[in-house]
Amino acid sequence: MRATKWIVPALTATVLLGGTAFCQSEEEFELNLFRPRLEISADTYPSRSFQDDTGEYGSHSGRIGVTLPLGSTHLRPNRSILAWQFLAQANLTEASPVITLTPPIEDHRLYTGSLSLTSLMLGRSKNLYVVSLGATAAEDQDTLKSPSDRFYGAGLATHRFGGKSTLIYGGAFAYTFGRGLVLPIIGGMWRLNPKWSLTAMAPFNVAANYKATDRVALRFRIGAAGNRFRLSNDNQSEFAGQPETVYLRIVQWRTTGEIEWKVSDAVSLVAQAGTARTLRFEIADNSRGADPFIDEKGTSAPYLRVAARFQFGKSILEQFKD
């Protein structure tokens, strides 16, 4: 049995996960070789002053993500949809922001969780179709006791132009820009040569990918990342005269370089470094973020992220060999 391969950005790690992250990496997927996957990561950027010197902002966070195939891959030779696979995805992030403002803000630990169901379909012309629906929440340690669910979704498709270029199009409802927005998605991937490729997904990111060896890949990326969190203000000690719950909106622009080392078929290690610039740091009394009573912009800070990815079980082809 021959594996069917195609190359697309890792859409299931982007807006499909609640809009809390942007396009992670370009990966080579084999539709009939999906296995359970676990990713553990941590990132940090130190405190930097706001542009008007009214305070500082920085953060440290850890994240765990799980992808589980649901059932077997459905293969349908000689049909318009050759194959499809359902996936369940869950992610949890804990962040420890350092916020310095006047009046002082207490320590808020921020939690983001998401759960989604994704369907991937492969057409006869090797075009990929992705539909994902899920729910997410972004809370501090106090509002986490009664989280406010947020729904999100995305529909994406690819269209191949020969073997070197692929169009990506679709839309999503996501929180990447710190508020729930319906966003059109347009982009593409260009394979410049066997070593280099370029991936762009407006309005999220642009990435250049270099395959140094079979086990080592380099990536250079610019793109947006953000979220909207609920903060507790029940004792009025931080934001006097505001409701018991206020909303923090954070939007960043990140410019990074990344190296990925495939230690084995089951384990990959990733290190990423660059800069993060906070474009929006807003606190408002409403979920839409209208008329924020704190509206700041940050200066650039060094950014570092490390991750480990694990795959479990055997692929279909490995099972056939037993």
Protein backbone atom coordinates (compact mmCIF):
# COMPACT_ATOMS: atom_id res chain seq x y z
CA MET A 1 0.00 0.00 0.00
CA ARG A 2 1.48 3.35 -1.01
CA ALA A 3 1.17 6.36 1.28
CA THR A 4 -0.43 9.46 -0.22
CA LYS A 5 1.64 12.56 0.65
CA TRP A 6 1.09 16.27 0.29
CA ILE A 7 2.66 19.29 1.91
CA VAL A 8 0.66 22.11 3.55
CA PRO A 9 1.14 24.41 6.55
CA ALA A 10 0.20 22.88 9.89
CA LEU A 11 -3.27 24.39 9.83
CA THR A 12 -4.41 22.36 12.81
CA ALA A 13 -2.01 24.33 15.00
CA THR A 14 -3.14 27.77 13.92
CA VAL A 15 -6.54 29.43 14.03
CA LEU A 16 -8.09 25.99 14.42
CA LEU A 17 -6.96 25.99 18.04
CA GLY A 18 -8.98 28.95 19.18
CA GLY A 19 -6.86 31.60 17.57
CA THR A 20 -4.43 31.56 20.48
CA ALA A 21 -1.48 30.84 18.27
CA PHE A 22 -0.43 31.43 14.74
CA CYS A 23 0.90 29.09 12.08
CA GLN A 24 3.42 26.83 13.79
CA SER A 25 5.32 25.05 11.08
CA GLU A 26 5.20 23.44 7.71
CA GLU A 27 4.93 19.72 7.98
CA GLU A 28 4.68 16.77 5.65
CA PHE A 29 1.50 14.90 6.41
CA GLU A 30 0.54 11.43 5.22
CA LEU A 31 -3.22 11.12 5.43
CA ASN A 32 -3.16 7.43 6.31
CA LEU A 33 -0.31 7.70 8.82
CA PHE A 34 -1.88 9.83 11.59
CA ARG A 35 -0.80 8.90 15.10
CA PRO A 36 -1.51 10.42 18.53
CA ARG A 37 0.67 13.45 19.14
CA LEU A 38 1.78 15.38 22.22
CA GLU A 39 3.58 18.74 22.27
CA ILE A 40 5.01 20.42 25.37
CA SER A 41 6.42 23.93 25.09
CA ALA A 42 7.44 27.00 27.08
CA ASP A 43 8.14 30.57 26.03
CA THR A 44 9.31 33.79 27.65
CA TYR A 45 9.91 37.45 26.96
CA PRO A 46 11.18 39.81 29.69
CA SER A 47 9.43 42.94 30.87
CA ARG A 48 9.75 45.98 28.65
CA SER A 49 8.44 49.51 29.15
CA PHE A 50 5.31 50.76 27.46
CA GLN A 51 5.97 53.46 24.90
CA ASP A 52 4.73 56.26 27.18
CA ASP A 53 6.67 54.90 30.22
CA THR A 54 3.51 54.32 32.29
CA GLY A 55 4.51 50.76 33.14
CA GLU A 56 5.96 47.46 31.89
CA TYR A 57 4.78 44.15 30.53
CA GLY A 58 6.42 40.73 30.11
CA SER A 59 5.38 37.10 30.40
CA HIS A 60 6.42 33.46 30.88
CA SER A 61 4.15 30.60 29.84
CA GLY A 62 3.94 26.85 29.41
CA ARG A 63 1.71 24.93 27.03
CA ILE A 64 0.64 21.34 26.43
CA GLY A 65 -1.23 20.20 23.33
CA VAL A 66 -2.66 16.82 22.37
CA THR A 67 -3.93 15.59 18.98
CA LEU A 68 -5.82 12.29 18.84
CA PRO A 69 -7.10 10.56 15.69
CA LEU A 70 -10.73 9.52 16.08
CA GLY A 71 -11.24 6.16 14.47
CA SER A 72 -9.42 4.91 11.43
CA THR A 73 -8.58 6.83 8.29
CA HIS A 74 -11.32 6.35 5.69
CA LEU A 75 -9.90 5.51 2.26
CA ARG A 76 -12.18 5.68 -0.80
CA PRO A 77 -10.33 4.92 -4.03
CA ASN A 78 -11.86 6.33 -7.22
CA ARG A 79 -14.08 8.82 -5.33
CA SER A 80 -14.04 12.61 -5.44
CA ILE A 81 -12.94 12.59 -1.78
CA LEU A 82 -10.20 9.98 -1.66
CA ALA A 83 -9.80 9.91 2.10
CA TRP A 84 -10.74 11.66 5.32
CA GLN A 85 -9.75 11.63 8.98
CA PHE A 86 -11.34 13.05 12.14
CA LEU A 87 -9.09 14.48 14.85
CA ALA A 88 -9.71 15.69 18.41
CA GLN A 89 -7.42 18.40 19.73
CA ALA A 90 -6.97 19.80 23.22
CA ASN A 91 -4.63 22.55 24.43
CA LEU A 92 -3.89 24.16 27.77
CA THR A 93 -1.66 27.18 28.38
CA GLU A 94 -0.68 28.72 31.71
CA ALA A 95 0.97 32.16 31.64
CA SER A 96 2.57 34.26 34.37
CA PRO A 97 2.48 37.85 33.12
CA VAL A 98 4.49 40.60 34.77
CA ILE A 99 2.37 43.77 34.61
CA THR A 100 3.51 47.02 36.17
CA LEU A 101 0.98 49.88 36.14
CA THR A 102 -0.24 52.70 38.37
CA PRO A 103 -2.20 51.82 40.45
CA PRO A 104 -0.40 48.46 40.91
CA ILE A 105 -1.97 45.32 39.45
CA GLU A 106 -1.93 42.12 41.46
CA ASP A 107 -0.39 38.95 40.05
CA HIS A 108 -2.84 37.34 37.62
CA ARG A 109 -2.10 33.86 36.33
CA LEU A 110 -3.69 33.47 32.91
CA TYR A 111 -5.11 30.20 31.61
CA THR A 112 -6.17 29.35 28.07
CA GLY A 113 -7.86 26.07 27.18
CA SER A 114 -9.36 24.80 23.96
CA LEU A 115 -11.05 21.67 22.66
CA SER A 116 -11.84 21.10 19.01
CA LEU A 117 -12.95 18.53 16.45
CA THR A 118 -11.30 18.68 13.04
CA SER A 119 -12.08 16.89 9.80
CA LEU A 120 -9.39 16.61 7.13
CA MET A 121 -10.34 15.51 3.64
CA LEU A 122 -8.16 14.78 0.60
CA GLY A 123 -9.63 15.36 -2.85
CA ARG A 124 -8.86 13.53 -6.06
CA SER A 125 -6.53 16.32 -7.23
CA LYS A 126 -4.64 16.07 -3.90
CA ASN A 127 -6.22 19.24 -2.56
CA LEU A 128 -6.77 19.33 1.19
CA TYR A 129 -10.00 20.49 2.90
CA VAL A 130 -10.07 21.27 6.62
CA VAL A 131 -13.10 22.03 8.80
CA SER A 132 -12.64 22.64 12.52
CA LEU A 133 -15.08 23.61 15.29
CA GLY A 134 -14.38 24.01 18.96
CA ALA A 135 -14.66 25.93 22.19
CA THR A 136 -12.07 27.88 24.12
CA ALA A 137 -11.77 29.92 27.31
CA ALA A 138 -9.18 32.47 28.49
CA GLU A 139 -9.35 33.30 32.22
CA ASP A 140 -7.31 34.33 35.22
CA GLN A 141 -7.05 32.23 38.38
CA ASP A 142 -10.28 33.67 39.80
CA THR A 143 -12.58 33.76 36.76
CA LEU A 144 -11.41 30.22 35.94
CA LYS A 145 -13.87 29.02 38.59
CA SER A 146 -16.75 30.05 36.29
CA PRO A 147 -15.25 30.24 32.79
CA SER A 148 -16.98 31.92 29.88
CA ASP A 149 -17.03 29.63 26.85
CA ARG A 150 -16.09 31.01 23.46
CA PHE A 151 -16.79 29.19 20.24
CA TYR A 152 -14.52 29.32 17.22
CA GLY A 153 -14.22 27.64 13.89
CA ALA A 154 -12.42 27.59 10.57
CA GLY A 155 -12.79 26.23 7.08
CA LEU A 156 -9.74 26.03 4.83
CA ALA A 157 -8.86 24.49 1.51
CA THR A 158 -5.86 24.19 -0.77
CA HIS A 159 -5.56 24.30 -4.55
CA ARG A 160 -2.44 22.91 -6.17
CA PHE A 161 -0.82 24.59 -9.14
CA GLY A 162 1.54 21.90 -10.32
CA GLY A 163 4.16 20.61 -7.94
CA LYS A 164 5.69 23.89 -6.71
CA SER A 165 2.85 26.16 -5.63
CA THR A 166 -0.33 25.73 -3.60
CA LEU A 167 -3.10 28.24 -2.90
CA ILE A 168 -4.58 28.35 0.63
CA TYR A 169 -8.00 29.96 1.12
CA GLY A 170 -10.89 30.00 3.56
CA GLY A 171 -11.99 31.81 6.69
CA ALA A 172 -12.07 31.59 10.46
CA PHE A 173 -13.65 33.02 13.58
CA ALA A 174 -10.69 33.39 15.94
CA TYR A 175 -9.12 35.44 18.76
CA THR A 176 -5.61 35.91 17.38
CA PHE A 177 -6.05 39.70 17.37
CA GLY A 178 -7.37 39.87 20.92
CA ARG A 179 -11.08 39.82 20.10
CA GLY A 180 -13.46 37.49 18.31
CA LEU A 181 -13.24 38.32 14.61
CA VAL A 182 -14.46 36.74 11.39
CA LEU A 183 -11.31 36.68 9.26
CA PRO A 184 -10.84 35.76 5.61
CA ILE A 185 -7.73 33.68 5.01
CA ILE A 186 -5.74 33.80 1.81
CA GLY A 187 -2.22 32.59 1.23
CA GLY A 188 -0.06 30.03 -0.42
CA MET A 189 3.00 27.87 -0.36
CA TRP A 190 5.79 27.97 -2.88
CA ARG A 191 8.46 25.27 -3.13
CA LEU A 192 11.43 27.22 -4.41
CA ASN A 193 13.76 24.21 -4.62
CA PRO A 194 14.26 20.91 -2.74
CA LYS A 195 15.67 22.82 0.25
CA TRP A 196 13.65 26.07 0.44
CA SER A 197 9.93 26.80 0.62
CA LEU A 198 7.87 29.86 1.48
CA THR A 199 4.49 29.83 3.25
CA ALA A 200 2.18 32.83 3.71
CA MET A 201 -1.22 32.95 5.41
CA ALA A 202 -2.73 36.44 5.57
CA PRO A 203 -3.58 37.88 8.02
CA PHE A 204 -1.60 35.54 10.29
CA ASN A 205 2.02 34.96 9.23
CA VAL A 206 4.75 34.47 6.65
CA ALA A 207 7.42 31.79 7.04
CA ALA A 208 10.50 30.70 5.09
CA ASN A 209 11.49 27.06 5.56
CA TYR A 210 14.87 25.45 4.93
CA LYS A 211 15.41 21.68 5.07
CA ALA A 212 19.04 21.40 6.10
CA THR A 213 19.04 17.58 6.38
CA ASP A 214 16.51 14.81 6.75
CA ARG A 215 16.54 15.49 10.51
CA VAL A 216 17.18 19.24 10.78
CA ALA A 217 14.95 22.07 9.53
CA LEU A 218 15.25 25.86 9.90
CA ARG A 219 12.35 28.33 9.80
CA PHE A 220 12.17 32.11 9.75
CA ARG A 221 8.80 33.59 10.61
CA ILE A 222 6.97 36.86 11.15
CA GLY A 223 3.39 36.94 12.36
CA ALA A 224 0.74 37.91 14.88
CA ALA A 225 -0.20 36.28 18.19
CA GLY A 226 -2.75 37.36 20.76
CA ASN A 227 -5.76 36.63 22.91
CA ARG A 228 -8.44 38.17 25.11
CA PHE A 229 -8.62 37.25 28.81
CA ARG A 230 -11.20 37.77 31.56
CA LEU A 231 -9.72 39.30 34.73
CA SER A 232 -11.30 39.35 38.17
CA ASN A 233 -11.91 42.80 39.67
CA ASP A 234 -14.31 41.75 42.42
CA ASN A 235 -12.64 43.71 45.24
CA GLN A 236 -12.23 46.91 43.18
CA SER A 237 -8.65 47.23 44.46
CA GLU A 238 -7.09 47.38 41.00
CA PHE A 239 -9.66 49.00 38.71
CA ALA A 240 -11.84 51.20 40.88
CA GLY A 241 -15.29 51.96 39.50
CA GLN A 242 -15.12 49.10 36.98
CA PRO A 243 -17.23 45.89 36.86
CA GLU A 244 -16.30 42.75 38.77
CA THR A 245 -14.90 41.29 35.53
CA VAL A 246 -12.77 43.22 33.04
CA TYR A 247 -11.13 42.12 29.78
CA LEU A 248 -7.45 42.16 28.87
CA ARG A 249 -6.58 42.26 25.18
CA ILE A 250 -3.03 41.43 24.07
CA VAL A 251 -1.78 41.46 20.47
CA GLN A 252 1.88 40.91 19.56
CA TRP A 253 4.00 40.87 16.43
CA ARG A 254 6.75 38.25 16.55
CA THR A 255 9.82 37.90 14.35
CA THR A 256 11.65 34.63 15.00
CA GLY A 257 14.05 32.02 13.75
CA GLU A 258 13.58 28.36 14.60
CA ILE A 259 15.51 25.11 14.43
CA GLU A 260 13.84 21.71 14.63
CA TRP A 261 15.78 18.53 15.22
CA LYS A 262 14.05 15.24 14.52
CA VAL A 263 15.69 13.05 17.12
CA SER A 264 13.80 9.96 15.97
CA ASP A 265 10.61 9.01 14.18
CA ALA A 266 8.73 9.68 17.43
CA VAL A 267 10.55 12.69 18.96
CA SER A 268 11.35 16.21 17.71
CA LEU A 269 12.95 19.10 19.60
CA VAL A 270 12.39 22.75 18.68
CA ALA A 271 14.16 25.97 19.72
CA GLN A 272 12.89 29.38 18.61
CA ALA A 273 14.33 32.85 19.27
CA GLY A 274 13.65 36.37 18.08
CA THR A 275 11.71 39.45 19.16
CA ALA A 276 8.16 40.11 20.36
CA ARG A 277 6.58 43.56 20.13
CA THR A 278 3.33 44.23 21.99
CA LEU A 279 1.07 46.14 19.60
CA ARG A 280 -1.96 46.19 21.90
CA PHE A 281 -2.21 46.02 25.66
CA GLU A 282 -5.75 47.08 26.49
CA ILE A 283 -8.09 46.60 29.45
CA ALA A 284 -11.79 47.34 28.95
CA ASP A 285 -15.05 46.84 30.82
CA ASN A 286 -16.64 44.93 27.91
CA SER A 287 -15.77 41.83 25.88
CA ARG A 288 -15.67 43.81 22.62
CA GLY A 289 -12.77 45.89 23.89
CA ALA A 290 -14.55 49.13 23.04
CA ASP A 291 -13.30 52.31 24.77
CA PRO A 292 -10.57 50.66 26.88
CA PHE A 293 -9.68 52.46 30.09
CA ILE A 294 -6.07 51.23 29.73
CA ASP A 295 -4.59 51.45 26.23
CA GLU A 296 -0.84 50.87 25.87
CA LYS A 297 1.78 49.75 23.36
CA GLY A 298 5.02 48.00 24.25
CA THR A 299 8.55 48.12 22.96
CA SER A 300 10.35 45.12 21.46
CA ALA A 301 11.60 42.37 23.79
CA PRO A 302 13.72 39.27 23.14
CA TYR A 303 11.58 36.17 22.71
CA LEU A 304 12.49 32.52 23.35
CA ARG A 305 10.48 29.34 22.92
CA VAL A 306 11.41 25.67 23.31
CA ALA A 307 9.24 22.65 22.54
CA ALA A 308 9.27 18.87 22.42
CA ARG A 309 6.94 16.87 20.15
CA PHE A 310 6.12 13.20 20.59
CA GLN A 311 4.23 10.75 18.38
CA PHE A 312 2.90 7.45 19.71
CA GLY A 313 1.83 4.12 18.31
CA LYS A 314 2.40 2.65 14.89
CA SER A 315 1.44 3.97 11.50
CA ILE A 316 -0.76 1.94 9.21
CA LEU A 317 2.21 0.89 7.08
CA GLU A 318 4.12 -0.26 10.17
CA GLN A 319 1.12 -2.31 11.24
CA PHE A 320 1.05 -4.02 7.85
CA LYS A 321 4.69 -5.08 8.32
CA ASP A 322 3.93 -6.93 11.55
